[in-house]
Amino acid sequence: MRRTFLITGVSSGLGRAFAAAALDAGHLAVGTVRDPRQTGAFEALAPGRATARLLDVTDDHAVSTVVDDVERSVGPIDVLISNAGYGLEGTVEETAMEDARRQFEVNVFGSVAVVKAVLPHMRRRRRGHIFTVSSMAGLTALPGVAFYGASKFAVEGIAGSLAQEVAGFGIHVTSLALGSFRTDWAGRSMVRVPRTVPDYDDVFGPLRTARQTKDGNQAGDPARAAQAVLRVLDSDKPPVHLVLGRDAVRLVEQGQRQLADDLAAWSELSVSTDFRTGD
C-alpha cells in the first residue's frame, strides 16, 4: 500500500534517510527544509513523489498552513515523522537560559505543533502513524547534554500519553529513542555552550572531546534506522517506545537498572508517605 509521509527536517541525516527509504519503497514523501536552496535536491530524489516544503517548526501558523496544504495538494498524510531538532551540549550551570529555552522551543514545542496539526486529519480518517524522534538521552540521563536530554524526555512522555489518547481512533504513536548515528548531530547540528566554569573541566572536558572525536565514526547507520521505521510501520502492534542502536540499548538498560535499584532500596520510605488507615 502506498502511503504519504510528512517528514520534518530532511535536509540531511536521519530525516533524509527516513525520506529516502520511504521513497525507495514506493511511497510519497513530503519533506520540510528551512533553506529554499535545499528544495530542489530533495525533490530530485524521486521526481513526482518527493515534495519539499519550507518550514520553521517553531512558527505555529506556518506549521498548520503547511500541513493543510499537504493534505489538499499532495494527499492524506498517513505517516508523520517529526524529526526536526538539534543538539545542545553543555553543563547545566554553564548553559544560558536563552539556550535552554530555545532547545525546548524547537525539540519539544516544534514537534508538538506538527503533531497537533496532523492529528485532526488522522483522527477524522481514523488511521495514521505518528513517529516522534527522541534519543537514548530521553530515556536515561546523560551528563553534558542535560537540556537536550530533558527535551527528549519530554518528547517521550508526550508520545506515551498521546498513544493512549488516540489508540481508539486507529492512530499509532511511536517514539524513536536513537543512539549515536552517523549524522551531523554531533557536528554541524550541535550547539556547543562556551566553557566558563573551570571546575567542570575534569567532568565535562573529556565528554566534549570524545563526542567531537566520534563525530563521523558513530556505529549507527541512518539507512538501517529508516528500514526499522518501515518495519514498525507494517506491524499490527507497533511499539510506543522503540530504542535504536546497540549503545542506546546498553545505556537505557543501565538506566532502567539504576531506577529499579533505587525503587527497591527506598521502597519502604516511598510507600510510607500514604495516609494510614485511621489517620
C-alpha atoms as a PDB file:
ATOM      1  CA  MET A   1       0.000   0.000   0.000  1.00  0.00           C
ATOM      2  CA  ARG A   2       1.431   3.367  -0.990  1.00  0.00           C
ATOM      3  CA  ARG A   3       1.454   5.904   1.823  1.00  0.00           C
ATOM      4  CA  THR A   4       2.045   9.633   2.073  1.00  0.00           C
ATOM      5  CA  PHE A   5       4.773  10.607   4.549  1.00  0.00           C
ATOM      6  CA  LEU A   6       5.337  14.035   6.088  1.00  0.00           C
ATOM      7  CA  ILE A   7       8.858  14.229   7.471  1.00  0.00           C
ATOM      8  CA  THR A   8      10.284  17.340   9.119  1.00  0.00           C
ATOM      9  CA  GLY A   9      13.962  18.173   8.782  1.00  0.00           C
ATOM     10  CA  VAL A  10      15.009  16.275   5.639  1.00  0.00           C
ATOM     11  CA  SER A  11      17.992  18.339   4.544  1.00  0.00           C
ATOM     12  CA  SER A  12      20.418  15.733   5.893  1.00  0.00           C
ATOM     13  CA  GLY A  13      20.966  12.989   8.454  1.00  0.00           C
ATOM     14  CA  LEU A  14      18.161  10.824   9.732  1.00  0.00           C
ATOM     15  CA  GLY A  15      15.411  12.930   8.193  1.00  0.00           C
ATOM     16  CA  ARG A  16      16.919  12.459   4.756  1.00  0.00           C
ATOM     17  CA  ALA A  17      17.408   8.729   5.438  1.00  0.00           C
ATOM     18  CA  PHE A  18      13.774   8.320   6.520  1.00  0.00           C
ATOM     19  CA  ALA A  19      12.606  10.061   3.351  1.00  0.00           C
ATOM     20  CA  ALA A  20      14.933   8.102   1.066  1.00  0.00           C
ATOM     21  CA  ALA A  21      13.730   4.783   2.499  1.00  0.00           C
ATOM     22  CA  ALA A  22      10.085   5.766   2.106  1.00  0.00           C
ATOM     23  CA  LEU A  23      10.670   6.840  -1.490  1.00  0.00           C
ATOM     24  CA  ASP A  24      12.659   3.697  -2.306  1.00  0.00           C
ATOM     25  CA  ALA A  25       9.708   1.677  -1.013  1.00  0.00           C
ATOM     26  CA  GLY A  26       7.407   3.442  -3.479  1.00  0.00           C
ATOM     27  CA  HIS A  27       5.739   5.879  -1.081  1.00  0.00           C
ATOM     28  CA  LEU A  28       5.188   9.634  -1.404  1.00  0.00           C
ATOM     29  CA  ALA A  29       7.331  11.853   0.821  1.00  0.00           C
ATOM     30  CA  VAL A  30       6.826  15.491   1.726  1.00  0.00           C
ATOM     31  CA  GLY A  31       9.930  16.789   3.459  1.00  0.00           C
ATOM     32  CA  THR A  32      10.373  20.099   5.221  1.00  0.00           C
ATOM     33  CA  VAL A  33      13.527  22.208   4.960  1.00  0.00           C
ATOM     34  CA  ARG A  34      14.457  25.654   6.207  1.00  0.00           C
ATOM     35  CA  ASP A  35      16.626  26.755   3.289  1.00  0.00           C
ATOM     36  CA  PRO A  36      14.921  27.228  -0.102  1.00  0.00           C
ATOM     37  CA  ARG A  37      18.139  26.108  -1.794  1.00  0.00           C
ATOM     38  CA  GLN A  38      17.547  22.614  -0.391  1.00  0.00           C
ATOM     39  CA  THR A  39      14.169  22.047  -2.026  1.00  0.00           C
ATOM     40  CA  GLY A  40      15.484  21.068  -5.445  1.00  0.00           C
ATOM     41  CA  ALA A  41      17.925  18.488  -4.092  1.00  0.00           C
ATOM     42  CA  PHE A  42      15.204  16.819  -2.070  1.00  0.00           C
ATOM     43  CA  GLU A  43      12.659  16.707  -4.880  1.00  0.00           C
ATOM     44  CA  ALA A  44      15.323  15.254  -7.190  1.00  0.00           C
ATOM     45  CA  LEU A  45      15.398  12.125  -5.006  1.00  0.00           C
ATOM     46  CA  ALA A  46      12.197  10.951  -6.692  1.00  0.00           C
ATOM     47  CA  PRO A  47      10.642  13.442  -9.125  1.00  0.00           C
ATOM     48  CA  GLY A  48       6.881  13.417  -8.795  1.00  0.00           C
ATOM     49  CA  ARG A  49       6.905  11.578  -5.464  1.00  0.00           C
ATOM     50  CA  ALA A  50       9.245  13.765  -3.389  1.00  0.00           C
ATOM     51  CA  THR A  51       7.898  17.189  -2.465  1.00  0.00           C
ATOM     52  CA  ALA A  52       9.701  19.809  -0.399  1.00  0.00           C
ATOM     53  CA  ARG A  53       8.101  22.461   1.775  1.00  0.00           C
ATOM     54  CA  LEU A  54       9.781  25.362   3.561  1.00  0.00           C
ATOM     55  CA  LEU A  55       9.020  25.281   7.271  1.00  0.00           C
ATOM     56  CA  ASP A  56      10.266  26.553  10.597  1.00  0.00           C
ATOM     57  CA  VAL A  57       8.593  24.242  13.122  1.00  0.00           C
ATOM     58  CA  THR A  58       8.623  26.985  15.768  1.00  0.00           C
ATOM     59  CA  ASP A  59       6.161  29.019  13.659  1.00  0.00           C
ATOM     60  CA  ASP A  60       2.805  27.568  14.723  1.00  0.00           C
ATOM     61  CA  HIS A  61       0.820  29.277  11.968  1.00  0.00           C
ATOM     62  CA  ALA A  62       3.249  28.110   9.286  1.00  0.00           C
ATOM     63  CA  VAL A  63       3.056  24.546  10.602  1.00  0.00           C
ATOM     64  CA  SER A  64      -0.727  24.469  10.297  1.00  0.00           C
ATOM     65  CA  THR A  65      -0.596  26.087   6.865  1.00  0.00           C
ATOM     66  CA  VAL A  66       1.914  23.562   5.516  1.00  0.00           C
ATOM     67  CA  VAL A  67       0.044  20.560   6.906  1.00  0.00           C
ATOM     68  CA  ASP A  68      -3.282  21.736   5.480  1.00  0.00           C
ATOM     69  CA  ASP A  69      -1.633  22.443   2.130  1.00  0.00           C
ATOM     70  CA  VAL A  70      -0.097  18.968   2.003  1.00  0.00           C
ATOM     71  CA  GLU A  71      -3.477  17.423   2.754  1.00  0.00           C
ATOM     72  CA  ARG A  72      -5.061  19.374  -0.117  1.00  0.00           C
ATOM     73  CA  SER A  73      -2.348  19.290  -2.767  1.00  0.00           C
ATOM     74  CA  VAL A  74      -0.450  16.037  -2.137  1.00  0.00           C
ATOM     75  CA  GLY A  75      -2.839  13.748  -0.299  1.00  0.00           C
ATOM     76  CA  PRO A  76      -3.890  12.485   3.119  1.00  0.00           C
ATOM     77  CA  ILE A  77      -0.927  12.239   5.475  1.00  0.00           C
ATOM     78  CA  ASP A  78      -0.651   8.610   6.514  1.00  0.00           C
ATOM     79  CA  VAL A  79       2.663   8.847   8.356  1.00  0.00           C
ATOM     80  CA  LEU A  80       4.220  11.745  10.246  1.00  0.00           C
ATOM     81  CA  ILE A  81       7.881  11.584  11.256  1.00  0.00           C
ATOM     82  CA  SER A  82       8.505  14.581  13.488  1.00  0.00           C
ATOM     83  CA  ASN A  83      12.272  14.670  13.135  1.00  0.00           C
ATOM     84  CA  ALA A  84      13.333  18.336  13.098  1.00  0.00           C
ATOM     85  CA  GLY A  85      15.545  19.277  16.033  1.00  0.00           C
ATOM     86  CA  TYR A  86      19.108  19.855  17.132  1.00  0.00           C
ATOM     87  CA  GLY A  87      21.541  19.038  19.916  1.00  0.00           C
ATOM     88  CA  LEU A  88      22.653  21.308  22.743  1.00  0.00           C
ATOM     89  CA  GLU A  89      25.801  20.342  24.632  1.00  0.00           C
ATOM     90  CA  GLY A  90      26.883  21.909  27.917  1.00  0.00           C
ATOM     91  CA  THR A  91      26.684  21.552  31.666  1.00  0.00           C
ATOM     92  CA  VAL A  92      23.568  22.793  33.438  1.00  0.00           C
ATOM     93  CA  GLU A  93      25.393  25.629  35.184  1.00  0.00           C
ATOM     94  CA  GLU A  94      27.181  26.864  32.071  1.00  0.00           C
ATOM     95  CA  THR A  95      24.141  26.809  29.778  1.00  0.00           C
ATOM     96  CA  ALA A  96      22.380  30.151  29.349  1.00  0.00           C
ATOM     97  CA  MET A  97      18.650  30.192  29.971  1.00  0.00           C
ATOM     98  CA  GLU A  98      18.119  31.543  26.461  1.00  0.00           C
ATOM     99  CA  ASP A  99      19.822  28.465  25.010  1.00  0.00           C
ATOM    100  CA  ALA A 100      17.833  26.125  27.243  1.00  0.00           C
ATOM    101  CA  ARG A 101      14.533  27.736  26.235  1.00  0.00           C
ATOM    102  CA  ARG A 102      15.440  27.611  22.540  1.00  0.00           C
ATOM    103  CA  GLN A 103      16.189  23.894  22.863  1.00  0.00           C
ATOM    104  CA  PHE A 104      12.689  23.251  24.155  1.00  0.00           C
ATOM    105  CA  GLU A 105      11.112  25.617  21.633  1.00  0.00           C
ATOM    106  CA  VAL A 106      12.459  23.547  18.743  1.00  0.00           C
ATOM    107  CA  ASN A 107      12.728  19.998  20.078  1.00  0.00           C
ATOM    108  CA  VAL A 108       9.535  19.924  22.149  1.00  0.00           C
ATOM    109  CA  PHE A 109       7.088  22.626  21.109  1.00  0.00           C
ATOM    110  CA  GLY A 110       8.087  22.444  17.441  1.00  0.00           C
ATOM    111  CA  SER A 111       7.432  18.715  17.454  1.00  0.00           C
ATOM    112  CA  VAL A 112       4.141  19.143  19.307  1.00  0.00           C
ATOM    113  CA  ALA A 113       2.981  21.801  16.829  1.00  0.00           C
ATOM    114  CA  VAL A 114       3.432  19.429  13.890  1.00  0.00           C
ATOM    115  CA  VAL A 115       1.760  16.558  15.720  1.00  0.00           C
ATOM    116  CA  LYS A 116      -1.215  18.735  16.681  1.00  0.00           C
ATOM    117  CA  ALA A 117      -1.603  19.991  13.111  1.00  0.00           C
ATOM    118  CA  VAL A 118      -1.703  16.451  11.700  1.00  0.00           C
ATOM    119  CA  LEU A 119      -3.928  14.903  14.372  1.00  0.00           C
ATOM    120  CA  PRO A 120      -7.330  16.295  13.277  1.00  0.00           C
ATOM    121  CA  HIS A 121      -6.848  14.861   9.787  1.00  0.00           C
ATOM    122  CA  MET A 122      -5.756  11.440  11.051  1.00  0.00           C
ATOM    123  CA  ARG A 123      -8.487  11.387  13.675  1.00  0.00           C
ATOM    124  CA  ARG A 124     -11.158  12.179  11.084  1.00  0.00           C
ATOM    125  CA  ARG A 125      -9.923   9.317   8.892  1.00  0.00           C
ATOM    126  CA  ARG A 126      -9.470   7.006  11.899  1.00  0.00           C
ATOM    127  CA  ARG A 127      -5.993   5.971  10.799  1.00  0.00           C
ATOM    128  CA  GLY A 128      -2.381   7.116  10.783  1.00  0.00           C
ATOM    129  CA  HIS A 129       1.007   6.620  12.415  1.00  0.00           C
ATOM    130  CA  ILE A 130       2.954   9.331  14.221  1.00  0.00           C
ATOM    131  CA  PHE A 131       6.680   8.908  14.841  1.00  0.00           C
ATOM    132  CA  THR A 132       8.465  11.320  17.140  1.00  0.00           C
ATOM    133  CA  VAL A 133      12.253  11.327  17.068  1.00  0.00           C
ATOM    134  CA  SER A 134      13.789  11.121  20.508  1.00  0.00           C
ATOM    135  CA  SER A 135      17.098   9.894  21.886  1.00  0.00           C
ATOM    136  CA  MET A 136      18.613   7.452  24.331  1.00  0.00           C
ATOM    137  CA  ALA A 137      19.155  10.651  26.353  1.00  0.00           C
ATOM    138  CA  GLY A 138      15.364  10.848  26.581  1.00  0.00           C
ATOM    139  CA  LEU A 139      15.159   7.549  28.468  1.00  0.00           C
ATOM    140  CA  THR A 140      18.277   7.743  30.622  1.00  0.00           C
ATOM    141  CA  ALA A 141      20.044  10.879  31.850  1.00  0.00           C
ATOM    142  CA  LEU A 142      23.498  11.572  30.412  1.00  0.00           C
ATOM    143  CA  PRO A 143      25.953  14.225  31.666  1.00  0.00           C
ATOM    144  CA  GLY A 144      26.761  17.184  29.486  1.00  0.00           C
ATOM    145  CA  VAL A 145      23.517  17.180  27.483  1.00  0.00           C
ATOM    146  CA  ALA A 146      21.023  17.871  30.248  1.00  0.00           C
ATOM    147  CA  PHE A 147      18.738  20.216  28.325  1.00  0.00           C
ATOM    148  CA  TYR A 148      18.865  18.178  25.125  1.00  0.00           C
ATOM    149  CA  GLY A 149      18.049  15.093  27.184  1.00  0.00           C
ATOM    150  CA  ALA A 150      15.297  16.909  29.045  1.00  0.00           C
ATOM    151  CA  SER A 151      13.722  17.947  25.744  1.00  0.00           C
ATOM    152  CA  LYS A 152      13.759  14.316  24.619  1.00  0.00           C
ATOM    153  CA  PHE A 153      12.390  13.103  27.970  1.00  0.00           C
ATOM    154  CA  ALA A 154       9.504  15.477  27.237  1.00  0.00           C
ATOM    155  CA  VAL A 155       9.052  14.033  23.748  1.00  0.00           C
ATOM    156  CA  GLU A 156       8.987  10.501  25.176  1.00  0.00           C
ATOM    157  CA  GLY A 157       6.424  11.478  27.807  1.00  0.00           C
ATOM    158  CA  ILE A 158       4.175  13.271  25.343  1.00  0.00           C
ATOM    159  CA  ALA A 159       4.314  10.321  22.948  1.00  0.00           C
ATOM    160  CA  GLY A 160       3.387   7.920  25.740  1.00  0.00           C
ATOM    161  CA  SER A 161       0.351   9.954  26.745  1.00  0.00           C
ATOM    162  CA  LEU A 162      -0.694  10.664  23.170  1.00  0.00           C
ATOM    163  CA  ALA A 163      -0.555   6.964  22.278  1.00  0.00           C
ATOM    164  CA  GLN A 164      -3.141   6.243  24.954  1.00  0.00           C
ATOM    165  CA  GLU A 165      -5.345   9.170  23.925  1.00  0.00           C
ATOM    166  CA  VAL A 166      -5.575   8.262  20.232  1.00  0.00           C
ATOM    167  CA  ALA A 167      -5.471   4.456  20.326  1.00  0.00           C
ATOM    168  CA  GLY A 168      -9.237   4.301  19.890  1.00  0.00           C
ATOM    169  CA  PHE A 169      -9.014   6.329  16.682  1.00  0.00           C
ATOM    170  CA  GLY A 170      -6.819   3.847  14.842  1.00  0.00           C
ATOM    171  CA  ILE A 171      -3.772   6.097  15.217  1.00  0.00           C
ATOM    172  CA  HIS A 172      -0.444   4.619  16.320  1.00  0.00           C
ATOM    173  CA  VAL A 173       2.314   6.580  18.058  1.00  0.00           C
ATOM    174  CA  THR A 174       5.966   5.509  18.235  1.00  0.00           C
ATOM    175  CA  SER A 175       8.818   7.462  19.806  1.00  0.00           C
ATOM    176  CA  LEU A 176      12.257   6.579  18.425  1.00  0.00           C
ATOM    177  CA  ALA A 177      14.955   6.651  21.109  1.00  0.00           C
ATOM    178  CA  LEU A 178      18.077   6.852  18.976  1.00  0.00           C
ATOM    179  CA  GLY A 179      21.634   6.071  19.917  1.00  0.00           C
ATOM    180  CA  SER A 180      24.687   7.527  18.194  1.00  0.00           C
ATOM    181  CA  PHE A 181      24.071   7.524  14.443  1.00  0.00           C
ATOM    182  CA  ARG A 182      26.442   8.711  11.750  1.00  0.00           C
ATOM    183  CA  THR A 183      24.824  12.070  11.045  1.00  0.00           C
ATOM    184  CA  ASP A 184      25.707  15.747  11.565  1.00  0.00           C
ATOM    185  CA  TRP A 185      24.065  15.760  15.016  1.00  0.00           C
ATOM    186  CA  ALA A 186      27.386  15.933  16.877  1.00  0.00           C
ATOM    187  CA  GLY A 187      28.913  18.212  14.239  1.00  0.00           C
ATOM    188  CA  ARG A 188      27.129  20.898  12.242  1.00  0.00           C
ATOM    189  CA  SER A 189      23.809  20.396  14.046  1.00  0.00           C
ATOM    190  CA  MET A 190      25.265  20.642  17.557  1.00  0.00           C
ATOM    191  CA  VAL A 191      25.208  23.880  19.538  1.00  0.00           C
ATOM    192  CA  ARG A 192      28.110  23.799  21.992  1.00  0.00           C
ATOM    193  CA  VAL A 193      27.872  26.011  25.066  1.00  0.00           C
ATOM    194  CA  PRO A 194      31.021  28.051  25.765  1.00  0.00           C
ATOM    195  CA  ARG A 195      33.052  26.852  28.744  1.00  0.00           C
ATOM    196  CA  THR A 196      33.029  29.309  31.653  1.00  0.00           C
ATOM    197  CA  VAL A 197      33.497  27.273  34.849  1.00  0.00           C
ATOM    198  CA  PRO A 198      36.890  25.513  35.188  1.00  0.00           C
ATOM    199  CA  ASP A 199      35.567  23.298  37.993  1.00  0.00           C
ATOM    200  CA  TYR A 200      33.823  21.199  35.305  1.00  0.00           C
ATOM    201  CA  ASP A 201      36.982  20.609  33.267  1.00  0.00           C
ATOM    202  CA  ASP A 202      37.615  17.117  34.611  1.00  0.00           C
ATOM    203  CA  VAL A 203      33.982  16.021  34.323  1.00  0.00           C
ATOM    204  CA  PHE A 204      32.887  17.624  31.087  1.00  0.00           C
ATOM    205  CA  GLY A 205      36.088  18.185  29.141  1.00  0.00           C
ATOM    206  CA  PRO A 206      36.616  14.507  28.240  1.00  0.00           C
ATOM    207  CA  LEU A 207      32.941  14.148  27.251  1.00  0.00           C
ATOM    208  CA  ARG A 208      33.117  17.004  24.754  1.00  0.00           C
ATOM    209  CA  THR A 209      36.406  15.759  23.337  1.00  0.00           C
ATOM    210  CA  ALA A 210      35.089  12.202  22.962  1.00  0.00           C
ATOM    211  CA  ARG A 211      31.933  13.383  21.212  1.00  0.00           C
ATOM    212  CA  GLN A 212      33.920  15.500  18.763  1.00  0.00           C
ATOM    213  CA  THR A 213      36.315  12.612  18.112  1.00  0.00           C
ATOM    214  CA  LYS A 214      33.491  10.167  17.393  1.00  0.00           C
ATOM    215  CA  ASP A 215      31.706  12.536  15.027  1.00  0.00           C
ATOM    216  CA  GLY A 216      31.565  10.815  11.651  1.00  0.00           C
ATOM    217  CA  ASN A 217      32.505   7.452  13.139  1.00  0.00           C
ATOM    218  CA  GLN A 218      29.335   6.575  15.043  1.00  0.00           C
ATOM    219  CA  ALA A 219      28.189   2.960  14.860  1.00  0.00           C
ATOM    220  CA  GLY A 220      24.568   3.735  13.957  1.00  0.00           C
ATOM    221  CA  ASP A 221      23.604   3.514  10.272  1.00  0.00           C
ATOM    222  CA  PRO A 222      20.823   6.003   9.342  1.00  0.00           C
ATOM    223  CA  ALA A 223      19.689   3.796   6.451  1.00  0.00           C
ATOM    224  CA  ARG A 224      19.167   0.864   8.807  1.00  0.00           C
ATOM    225  CA  ALA A 225      17.243   3.096  11.213  1.00  0.00           C
ATOM    226  CA  ALA A 226      14.989   4.078   8.321  1.00  0.00           C
ATOM    227  CA  GLN A 227      14.374   0.443   7.442  1.00  0.00           C
ATOM    228  CA  ALA A 228      13.477  -0.193  11.091  1.00  0.00           C
ATOM    229  CA  VAL A 229      10.835   2.532  10.855  1.00  0.00           C
ATOM    230  CA  LEU A 230       9.300   0.900   7.775  1.00  0.00           C
ATOM    231  CA  ARG A 231       9.245  -2.432   9.593  1.00  0.00           C
ATOM    232  CA  VAL A 232       7.434  -0.880  12.562  1.00  0.00           C
ATOM    233  CA  LEU A 233       5.004   0.792  10.185  1.00  0.00           C
ATOM    234  CA  ASP A 234       3.916  -2.613   8.890  1.00  0.00           C
ATOM    235  CA  SER A 235       3.453  -4.087  12.379  1.00  0.00           C
ATOM    236  CA  ASP A 236      -0.014  -4.814  13.739  1.00  0.00           C
ATOM    237  CA  LYS A 237       1.165  -3.868  17.240  1.00  0.00           C
ATOM    238  CA  PRO A 238       3.867  -1.219  16.878  1.00  0.00           C
ATOM    239  CA  PRO A 239       5.819  -0.164  19.978  1.00  0.00           C
ATOM    240  CA  VAL A 240       5.186   3.151  21.681  1.00  0.00           C
ATOM    241  CA  HIS A 241       8.878   3.409  22.577  1.00  0.00           C
ATOM    242  CA  LEU A 242      11.499   1.953  20.230  1.00  0.00           C
ATOM    243  CA  VAL A 243      15.189   2.064  21.135  1.00  0.00           C
ATOM    244  CA  LEU A 244      17.512   2.024  18.118  1.00  0.00           C
ATOM    245  CA  GLY A 245      21.243   1.373  18.320  1.00  0.00           C
ATOM    246  CA  ARG A 246      23.412  -1.003  20.353  1.00  0.00           C
ATOM    247  CA  ASP A 247      24.749   1.838  22.503  1.00  0.00           C
ATOM    248  CA  ALA A 248      21.225   3.066  23.172  1.00  0.00           C
ATOM    249  CA  VAL A 249      20.065  -0.382  24.294  1.00  0.00           C
ATOM    250  CA  ARG A 250      23.042  -0.669  26.642  1.00  0.00           C
ATOM    251  CA  LEU A 251      22.660   2.781  28.206  1.00  0.00           C
ATOM    252  CA  VAL A 252      18.867   2.628  28.519  1.00  0.00           C
ATOM    253  CA  GLU A 253      19.079  -0.803  30.154  1.00  0.00           C
ATOM    254  CA  GLN A 254      21.717   0.562  32.536  1.00  0.00           C
ATOM    255  CA  GLY A 255      19.484   3.488  33.437  1.00  0.00           C
ATOM    256  CA  GLN A 256      16.493   1.196  33.980  1.00  0.00           C
ATOM    257  CA  ARG A 257      18.557  -0.982  36.324  1.00  0.00           C
ATOM    258  CA  GLN A 258      19.614   2.081  38.324  1.00  0.00           C
ATOM    259  CA  LEU A 259      15.975   3.138  38.647  1.00  0.00           C
ATOM    260  CA  ALA A 260      14.952  -0.366  39.696  1.00  0.00           C
ATOM    261  CA  ASP A 261      17.731  -0.413  42.297  1.00  0.00           C
ATOM    262  CA  ASP A 262      16.591   2.931  43.728  1.00  0.00           C
ATOM    263  CA  LEU A 263      12.978   1.742  43.865  1.00  0.00           C
ATOM    264  CA  ALA A 264      13.958  -1.423  45.690  1.00  0.00           C
ATOM    265  CA  ALA A 265      16.329   0.284  48.118  1.00  0.00           C
ATOM    266  CA  TRP A 266      13.890   3.036  49.069  1.00  0.00           C
ATOM    267  CA  SER A 267      10.520   1.303  48.652  1.00  0.00           C
ATOM    268  CA  GLU A 268       9.775   1.363  52.400  1.00  0.00           C
ATOM    269  CA  LEU A 269      10.221   5.121  52.525  1.00  0.00           C
ATOM    270  CA  SER A 270       8.334   5.541  49.233  1.00  0.00           C
ATOM    271  CA  VAL A 271       5.148   3.864  50.473  1.00  0.00           C
ATOM    272  CA  SER A 272       5.387   5.433  53.945  1.00  0.00           C
ATOM    273  CA  THR A 273       4.056   8.750  52.615  1.00  0.00           C
ATOM    274  CA  ASP A 274       0.485   7.442  52.095  1.00  0.00           C
ATOM    275  CA  PHE A 275      -2.286   8.162  54.607  1.00  0.00           C
ATOM    276  CA  ARG A 276      -2.598   5.335  57.101  1.00  0.00           C
ATOM    277  CA  THR A 277      -5.900   3.761  57.994  1.00  0.00           C
ATOM    278  CA  GLY A 278      -7.284   5.584  60.981  1.00  0.00           C
ATOM    279  CA  ASP A 279      -5.281   8.782  60.445  1.00  0.00           C
END
